[in-house]
Amino acid sequence: MKFFVALSVLAVFGTVTALKCFTCNSETDSACNDNFNSDSPALQSAFVVDCEEKDGLSPFCRKLSVYIIHNASEFRVQRDCGYMKREGYDCYQKRSEDYVMDTCQCENELCNGAPSLSTSVATMFAIAVPIIARFL
């Protein structure tokens, strides 16, 4: 009997709970865009997933805001589970000639639905300069 009690206690404490994150892409569903209502039961039902550990890596939630700069500027938001975290940064930016990508990473439940993970002034400036330069 003591064996079963001990086994039950170990099972409870040994269970790893998954981190819940929003997973969606505004390219395929406009409800994922920056005007995201993370409190909406419909959006939670459609977009919340359990991010399980993969290859020994703990998950975190991530939001990517991508500005694609070509003939017509395009904006996309992607929310998902991440596994290779960039240490030392909550948010960071990558740039090239044809895109600007803001990435924010967080470790709390459903944190990638937060409005605080939205467009920075630096990003808007980074997008505006190449577009204006084309007209000069």
N, C-alpha and C. Protein backbone atom coordinates (compact mmCIF):
# COMPACT_ATOMS: atom_id res chain seq x y z
N MET A 1 0.82 -1.19 0.00
CA MET A 1 0.00 0.00 0.00
C MET A 1 0.87 1.26 0.00
N LYS A 2 1.92 1.28 0.83
CA LYS A 2 2.81 2.43 0.88
C LYS A 2 3.47 2.65 -0.48
N PHE A 3 3.74 1.56 -1.18
CA PHE A 3 4.36 1.66 -2.49
C PHE A 3 3.46 2.44 -3.46
N PHE A 4 2.18 2.15 -3.47
CA PHE A 4 1.24 2.82 -4.37
C PHE A 4 1.07 4.29 -4.01
N VAL A 5 1.09 4.62 -2.72
CA VAL A 5 1.01 6.01 -2.29
C VAL A 5 2.25 6.77 -2.76
N ALA A 6 3.42 6.16 -2.56
CA ALA A 6 4.67 6.80 -2.98
C ALA A 6 4.70 6.98 -4.50
N LEU A 7 4.23 5.97 -5.22
CA LEU A 7 4.19 6.04 -6.68
C LEU A 7 3.23 7.14 -7.14
N SER A 8 2.10 7.28 -6.47
CA SER A 8 1.14 8.33 -6.81
C SER A 8 1.73 9.72 -6.57
N VAL A 9 2.43 9.90 -5.46
CA VAL A 9 3.06 11.18 -5.15
C VAL A 9 4.12 11.51 -6.19
N LEU A 10 4.93 10.54 -6.57
CA LEU A 10 5.94 10.76 -7.60
C LEU A 10 5.31 11.10 -8.94
N ALA A 11 4.21 10.46 -9.25
CA ALA A 11 3.53 10.74 -10.52
C ALA A 11 3.02 12.17 -10.56
N VAL A 12 2.49 12.66 -9.46
CA VAL A 12 1.98 14.02 -9.40
C VAL A 12 3.11 15.02 -9.52
N PHE A 13 4.19 14.82 -8.76
CA PHE A 13 5.30 15.78 -8.79
C PHE A 13 6.16 15.61 -10.03
N GLY A 14 6.15 14.43 -10.62
CA GLY A 14 6.97 14.19 -11.81
C GLY A 14 6.31 14.65 -13.09
N THR A 15 5.06 15.02 -13.01
CA THR A 15 4.34 15.44 -14.20
C THR A 15 4.76 16.86 -14.58
N VAL A 16 5.14 17.01 -15.83
CA VAL A 16 5.54 18.32 -16.33
C VAL A 16 4.32 18.94 -17.00
N THR A 17 4.01 20.15 -16.58
CA THR A 17 2.88 20.82 -17.22
C THR A 17 3.42 21.61 -18.42
N ALA A 18 2.67 21.61 -19.48
CA ALA A 18 3.07 22.30 -20.69
C ALA A 18 2.73 23.78 -20.56
N LEU A 19 3.49 24.59 -21.25
CA LEU A 19 3.25 26.03 -21.30
C LEU A 19 2.22 26.29 -22.39
N LYS A 20 1.20 27.05 -22.09
CA LYS A 20 0.18 27.39 -23.08
C LYS A 20 0.57 28.68 -23.79
N CYS A 21 0.55 28.63 -25.13
CA CYS A 21 0.86 29.80 -25.95
C CYS A 21 -0.16 29.90 -27.08
N PHE A 22 -0.32 31.12 -27.58
CA PHE A 22 -1.13 31.30 -28.78
C PHE A 22 -0.29 30.87 -29.98
N THR A 23 -0.91 30.17 -30.92
CA THR A 23 -0.24 29.76 -32.15
C THR A 23 -1.14 30.10 -33.32
N CYS A 24 -0.70 31.07 -34.12
CA CYS A 24 -1.49 31.49 -35.29
C CYS A 24 -0.61 32.33 -36.20
N ASN A 25 -1.13 32.59 -37.40
CA ASN A 25 -0.41 33.41 -38.37
C ASN A 25 -1.43 34.30 -39.08
N SER A 26 -1.19 35.59 -39.09
CA SER A 26 -2.15 36.52 -39.69
C SER A 26 -2.23 36.38 -41.21
N GLU A 27 -1.27 35.71 -41.82
CA GLU A 27 -1.35 35.48 -43.26
C GLU A 27 -2.51 34.55 -43.59
N THR A 28 -2.78 33.59 -42.70
CA THR A 28 -3.87 32.64 -42.94
C THR A 28 -5.13 32.95 -42.13
N ASP A 29 -5.01 33.77 -41.07
CA ASP A 29 -6.18 34.13 -40.26
C ASP A 29 -5.98 35.54 -39.71
N SER A 30 -6.75 36.48 -40.21
CA SER A 30 -6.59 37.89 -39.82
C SER A 30 -6.88 38.13 -38.33
N ALA A 31 -7.53 37.21 -37.66
CA ALA A 31 -7.79 37.35 -36.22
C ALA A 31 -6.50 37.32 -35.41
N CYS A 32 -5.41 36.88 -36.02
CA CYS A 32 -4.11 36.80 -35.34
C CYS A 32 -3.36 38.13 -35.38
N ASN A 33 -3.83 39.09 -36.12
CA ASN A 33 -3.13 40.35 -36.32
C ASN A 33 -2.89 41.10 -35.01
N ASP A 34 -2.33 42.28 -35.07
CA ASP A 34 -1.96 43.03 -33.87
C ASP A 34 -3.14 43.47 -33.02
N ASN A 35 -4.32 43.63 -33.59
CA ASN A 35 -5.51 43.96 -32.81
C ASN A 35 -6.07 42.68 -32.21
N PHE A 36 -5.25 42.00 -31.46
CA PHE A 36 -5.54 40.66 -30.95
C PHE A 36 -6.18 40.77 -29.57
N ASN A 37 -7.35 40.14 -29.41
CA ASN A 37 -8.04 40.15 -28.12
C ASN A 37 -7.76 38.82 -27.42
N SER A 38 -6.70 38.79 -26.62
CA SER A 38 -6.28 37.54 -25.99
C SER A 38 -7.28 37.02 -24.96
N ASP A 39 -8.23 37.86 -24.52
CA ASP A 39 -9.25 37.42 -23.56
C ASP A 39 -10.46 36.77 -24.24
N SER A 40 -10.52 36.80 -25.55
CA SER A 40 -11.65 36.25 -26.28
C SER A 40 -11.69 34.73 -26.15
N PRO A 41 -12.80 34.16 -25.63
CA PRO A 41 -12.90 32.69 -25.55
C PRO A 41 -12.80 32.02 -26.92
N ALA A 42 -13.32 32.66 -27.96
CA ALA A 42 -13.24 32.08 -29.31
C ALA A 42 -11.79 32.00 -29.78
N LEU A 43 -11.02 33.08 -29.57
CA LEU A 43 -9.62 33.06 -29.99
C LEU A 43 -8.81 32.09 -29.14
N GLN A 44 -9.11 32.02 -27.85
CA GLN A 44 -8.40 31.06 -27.00
C GLN A 44 -8.69 29.64 -27.45
N SER A 45 -9.93 29.36 -27.79
CA SER A 45 -10.30 28.02 -28.25
C SER A 45 -9.60 27.68 -29.57
N ALA A 46 -9.50 28.66 -30.46
CA ALA A 46 -8.92 28.42 -31.78
C ALA A 46 -7.40 28.40 -31.79
N PHE A 47 -6.76 29.22 -30.96
CA PHE A 47 -5.32 29.45 -31.10
C PHE A 47 -4.44 28.96 -29.95
N VAL A 48 -5.00 28.54 -28.82
CA VAL A 48 -4.16 28.13 -27.69
C VAL A 48 -3.72 26.68 -27.85
N VAL A 49 -2.42 26.46 -27.70
CA VAL A 49 -1.86 25.11 -27.76
C VAL A 49 -0.97 24.89 -26.54
N ASP A 50 -0.74 23.63 -26.21
CA ASP A 50 0.21 23.26 -25.17
C ASP A 50 1.56 23.08 -25.83
N CYS A 51 2.54 23.84 -25.39
CA CYS A 51 3.90 23.74 -25.92
C CYS A 51 4.67 22.76 -25.03
N GLU A 52 4.93 21.59 -25.55
CA GLU A 52 5.63 20.55 -24.81
C GLU A 52 7.14 20.70 -24.99
N GLU A 53 7.89 20.18 -24.06
CA GLU A 53 9.35 20.17 -24.17
C GLU A 53 9.74 19.37 -25.41
N LYS A 54 10.76 19.83 -26.14
CA LYS A 54 11.26 19.14 -27.34
C LYS A 54 12.76 18.98 -27.26
N ASP A 55 13.22 17.78 -27.45
CA ASP A 55 14.66 17.49 -27.48
C ASP A 55 15.38 18.09 -26.27
N GLY A 56 14.73 18.04 -25.11
CA GLY A 56 15.33 18.55 -23.88
C GLY A 56 15.27 20.07 -23.74
N LEU A 57 14.63 20.75 -24.67
CA LEU A 57 14.53 22.21 -24.62
C LEU A 57 13.16 22.62 -24.08
N SER A 58 13.17 23.52 -23.12
CA SER A 58 11.92 24.03 -22.54
C SER A 58 11.30 25.05 -23.49
N PRO A 59 9.99 25.03 -23.64
CA PRO A 59 9.33 25.97 -24.55
C PRO A 59 9.17 27.36 -23.94
N PHE A 60 8.99 28.33 -24.80
CA PHE A 60 8.61 29.68 -24.42
C PHE A 60 7.64 30.17 -25.48
N CYS A 61 6.91 31.22 -25.19
CA CYS A 61 5.98 31.79 -26.16
C CYS A 61 6.69 32.88 -26.96
N ARG A 62 6.29 33.02 -28.22
CA ARG A 62 6.98 33.98 -29.09
C ARG A 62 5.97 34.67 -29.99
N LYS A 63 6.24 35.94 -30.28
CA LYS A 63 5.46 36.71 -31.24
C LYS A 63 6.42 37.35 -32.23
N LEU A 64 6.17 37.12 -33.50
CA LEU A 64 6.97 37.73 -34.56
C LEU A 64 6.10 38.70 -35.33
N SER A 65 6.59 39.92 -35.51
CA SER A 65 5.93 40.92 -36.34
C SER A 65 6.84 41.13 -37.54
N VAL A 66 6.36 40.78 -38.72
CA VAL A 66 7.20 40.82 -39.92
C VAL A 66 6.66 41.85 -40.90
N TYR A 67 7.53 42.75 -41.32
CA TYR A 67 7.21 43.76 -42.31
C TYR A 67 7.97 43.38 -43.57
N ILE A 68 7.24 42.98 -44.61
CA ILE A 68 7.85 42.57 -45.86
C ILE A 68 7.83 43.77 -46.78
N ILE A 69 9.03 44.18 -47.21
CA ILE A 69 9.17 45.39 -48.01
C ILE A 69 9.52 44.97 -49.44
N HIS A 70 8.59 45.10 -50.34
CA HIS A 70 8.83 44.90 -51.77
C HIS A 70 7.89 45.83 -52.50
N ASN A 71 7.32 45.47 -53.60
CA ASN A 71 6.45 46.39 -54.35
C ASN A 71 5.42 47.08 -53.47
N ALA A 72 4.73 46.32 -52.66
CA ALA A 72 3.77 46.89 -51.70
C ALA A 72 4.14 46.33 -50.33
N SER A 73 4.23 47.18 -49.35
CA SER A 73 4.60 46.71 -48.02
C SER A 73 3.50 45.81 -47.46
N GLU A 74 3.92 44.78 -46.75
CA GLU A 74 2.99 43.82 -46.17
C GLU A 74 3.39 43.58 -44.72
N PHE A 75 2.41 43.39 -43.86
CA PHE A 75 2.65 43.17 -42.43
C PHE A 75 2.01 41.86 -42.02
N ARG A 76 2.76 41.04 -41.28
CA ARG A 76 2.23 39.77 -40.78
C ARG A 76 2.61 39.60 -39.31
N VAL A 77 1.75 38.91 -38.57
CA VAL A 77 2.03 38.55 -37.19
C VAL A 77 1.96 37.04 -37.08
N GLN A 78 2.96 36.48 -36.44
CA GLN A 78 2.96 35.05 -36.16
C GLN A 78 3.19 34.85 -34.68
N ARG A 79 2.35 34.03 -34.07
CA ARG A 79 2.48 33.69 -32.65
C ARG A 79 2.70 32.19 -32.58
N ASP A 80 3.69 31.75 -31.79
CA ASP A 80 3.94 30.31 -31.71
C ASP A 80 4.78 29.95 -30.49
N CYS A 81 5.11 28.67 -30.40
CA CYS A 81 6.00 28.15 -29.36
C CYS A 81 7.43 28.27 -29.88
N GLY A 82 8.33 28.67 -29.03
CA GLY A 82 9.73 28.74 -29.40
C GLY A 82 10.55 27.79 -28.55
N TYR A 83 11.73 27.41 -29.05
CA TYR A 83 12.58 26.47 -28.31
C TYR A 83 14.03 26.90 -28.25
N MET A 84 14.47 27.76 -29.12
CA MET A 84 15.85 28.26 -29.10
C MET A 84 15.79 29.75 -28.74
N LYS A 85 15.81 30.05 -27.44
CA LYS A 85 15.61 31.41 -26.97
C LYS A 85 16.90 32.23 -27.12
N ARG A 86 16.74 33.45 -27.56
CA ARG A 86 17.87 34.38 -27.62
C ARG A 86 18.01 34.99 -26.23
N GLU A 87 19.05 34.64 -25.54
CA GLU A 87 19.25 35.06 -24.15
C GLU A 87 19.62 36.53 -24.07
N GLY A 88 19.17 37.16 -23.00
CA GLY A 88 19.52 38.55 -22.74
C GLY A 88 18.56 39.56 -23.34
N TYR A 89 17.55 39.09 -24.07
CA TYR A 89 16.61 40.00 -24.73
C TYR A 89 15.18 39.51 -24.54
N ASP A 90 14.27 40.43 -24.26
CA ASP A 90 12.85 40.10 -24.31
C ASP A 90 12.38 40.24 -25.75
N CYS A 91 12.87 41.29 -26.43
CA CYS A 91 12.55 41.55 -27.82
C CYS A 91 13.83 41.92 -28.57
N TYR A 92 13.88 41.57 -29.83
CA TYR A 92 15.01 41.94 -30.68
C TYR A 92 14.52 42.07 -32.12
N GLN A 93 15.37 42.63 -32.98
CA GLN A 93 14.97 42.90 -34.36
C GLN A 93 16.01 42.37 -35.33
N LYS A 94 15.52 41.83 -36.45
CA LYS A 94 16.37 41.42 -37.56
C LYS A 94 15.93 42.23 -38.77
N ARG A 95 16.91 42.63 -39.60
CA ARG A 95 16.59 43.43 -40.78
C ARG A 95 17.35 42.90 -41.98
N SER A 96 16.75 43.06 -43.13
CA SER A 96 17.43 42.83 -44.39
C SER A 96 16.87 43.84 -45.38
N GLU A 97 17.25 43.74 -46.63
CA GLU A 97 16.76 44.69 -47.63
C GLU A 97 15.26 44.57 -47.84
N ASP A 98 14.72 43.35 -47.67
CA ASP A 98 13.31 43.16 -48.01
C ASP A 98 12.39 42.82 -46.84
N TYR A 99 12.92 42.81 -45.62
CA TYR A 99 12.03 42.60 -44.47
C TYR A 99 12.64 43.15 -43.19
N VAL A 100 11.76 43.44 -42.24
CA VAL A 100 12.13 43.80 -40.87
C VAL A 100 11.31 42.88 -39.98
N MET A 101 11.95 42.20 -39.03
CA MET A 101 11.24 41.27 -38.17
C MET A 101 11.53 41.58 -36.71
N ASP A 102 10.46 41.90 -35.96
CA ASP A 102 10.56 42.08 -34.52
C ASP A 102 10.14 40.76 -33.88
N THR A 103 10.97 40.26 -32.98
CA THR A 103 10.66 39.03 -32.27
C THR A 103 10.64 39.32 -30.78
N CYS A 104 9.55 38.95 -30.12
CA CYS A 104 9.45 39.05 -28.66
C CYS A 104 9.23 37.66 -28.10
N GLN A 105 9.90 37.37 -27.00
CA GLN A 105 9.82 36.05 -26.38
C GLN A 105 9.51 36.21 -24.90
N CYS A 106 8.68 35.28 -24.37
CA CYS A 106 8.26 35.37 -22.98
C CYS A 106 7.97 33.98 -22.45
N GLU A 107 7.89 33.86 -21.14
CA GLU A 107 7.78 32.53 -20.53
C GLU A 107 6.52 32.34 -19.69
N ASN A 108 5.57 33.25 -19.75
CA ASN A 108 4.33 33.12 -18.98
C ASN A 108 3.22 32.58 -19.86
N GLU A 109 2.21 32.00 -19.22
CA GLU A 109 1.05 31.48 -19.94
C GLU A 109 0.44 32.55 -20.84
N LEU A 110 0.25 32.24 -22.10
CA LEU A 110 -0.44 33.08 -23.08
C LEU A 110 0.15 34.49 -23.20
N CYS A 111 1.40 34.65 -22.87
CA CYS A 111 2.01 35.99 -22.90
C CYS A 111 2.23 36.52 -24.31
N ASN A 112 2.20 35.66 -25.33
CA ASN A 112 2.41 36.16 -26.70
C ASN A 112 1.12 36.71 -27.32
N GLY A 113 0.09 36.89 -26.50
CA GLY A 113 -1.12 37.57 -26.95
C GLY A 113 -1.19 38.98 -26.40
N ALA A 114 -0.19 39.35 -25.61
CA ALA A 114 -0.20 40.65 -24.93
C ALA A 114 0.01 41.80 -25.90
N PRO A 115 -0.72 42.89 -25.72
CA PRO A 115 -0.53 44.05 -26.59
C PRO A 115 0.83 44.71 -26.40
N SER A 116 1.50 44.46 -25.29
CA SER A 116 2.82 45.07 -25.07
C SER A 116 3.86 44.51 -26.02
N LEU A 117 3.55 43.42 -26.69
CA LEU A 117 4.48 42.84 -27.66
C LEU A 117 4.15 43.35 -29.06
N SER A 118 3.93 44.64 -29.17
CA SER A 118 3.53 45.19 -30.47
C SER A 118 4.62 46.07 -31.06
N THR A 119 4.31 46.70 -32.14
CA THR A 119 5.24 47.45 -32.97
C THR A 119 5.98 48.54 -32.20
N SER A 120 7.28 48.56 -32.40
CA SER A 120 8.09 49.59 -31.76
C SER A 120 8.28 50.77 -32.71
N VAL A 121 8.63 51.90 -32.15
CA VAL A 121 8.90 53.10 -32.95
C VAL A 121 10.10 52.84 -33.85
N ALA A 122 11.09 52.13 -33.33
CA ALA A 122 12.29 51.82 -34.12
C ALA A 122 11.93 51.00 -35.36
N THR A 123 11.00 50.08 -35.22
CA THR A 123 10.58 49.27 -36.35
C THR A 123 9.90 50.13 -37.40
N MET A 124 9.02 51.00 -36.97
CA MET A 124 8.33 51.87 -37.92
C MET A 124 9.33 52.75 -38.66
N PHE A 125 10.35 53.24 -37.96
CA PHE A 125 11.38 54.06 -38.57
C PHE A 125 12.18 53.22 -39.57
N ALA A 126 12.51 51.99 -39.18
CA ALA A 126 13.29 51.10 -40.04
C ALA A 126 12.54 50.77 -41.33
N ILE A 127 11.24 50.73 -41.26
CA ILE A 127 10.42 50.45 -42.45
C ILE A 127 10.28 51.70 -43.30
N ALA A 128 10.08 52.83 -42.67
CA ALA A 128 9.82 54.08 -43.39
C ALA A 128 11.04 54.54 -44.19
N VAL A 129 12.24 54.39 -43.67
CA VAL A 129 13.43 54.89 -44.34
C VAL A 129 13.63 54.25 -45.71
N PRO A 130 13.60 52.91 -45.86
CA PRO A 130 13.76 52.35 -47.20
C PRO A 130 12.66 52.73 -48.18
N ILE A 131 11.44 52.86 -47.68
CA ILE A 131 10.31 53.23 -48.55
C ILE A 131 10.49 54.66 -49.03
N ILE A 132 10.84 55.57 -48.13
CA ILE A 132 11.06 56.97 -48.52
C ILE A 132 12.24 57.09 -49.45
N ALA A 133 13.30 56.29 -49.20
CA ALA A 133 14.51 56.35 -50.04
C ALA A 133 14.21 55.96 -51.48
N ARG A 134 13.23 55.11 -51.72
CA ARG A 134 12.88 54.71 -53.08
C ARG A 134 12.32 55.87 -53.88
N PHE A 135 11.69 56.82 -53.19
CA PHE A 135 11.08 57.95 -53.87
C PHE A 135 12.03 59.12 -54.04
N LEU A 136 13.20 59.05 -53.46
CA LEU A 136 14.16 60.17 -53.56
C LEU A 136 15.09 60.00 -54.75
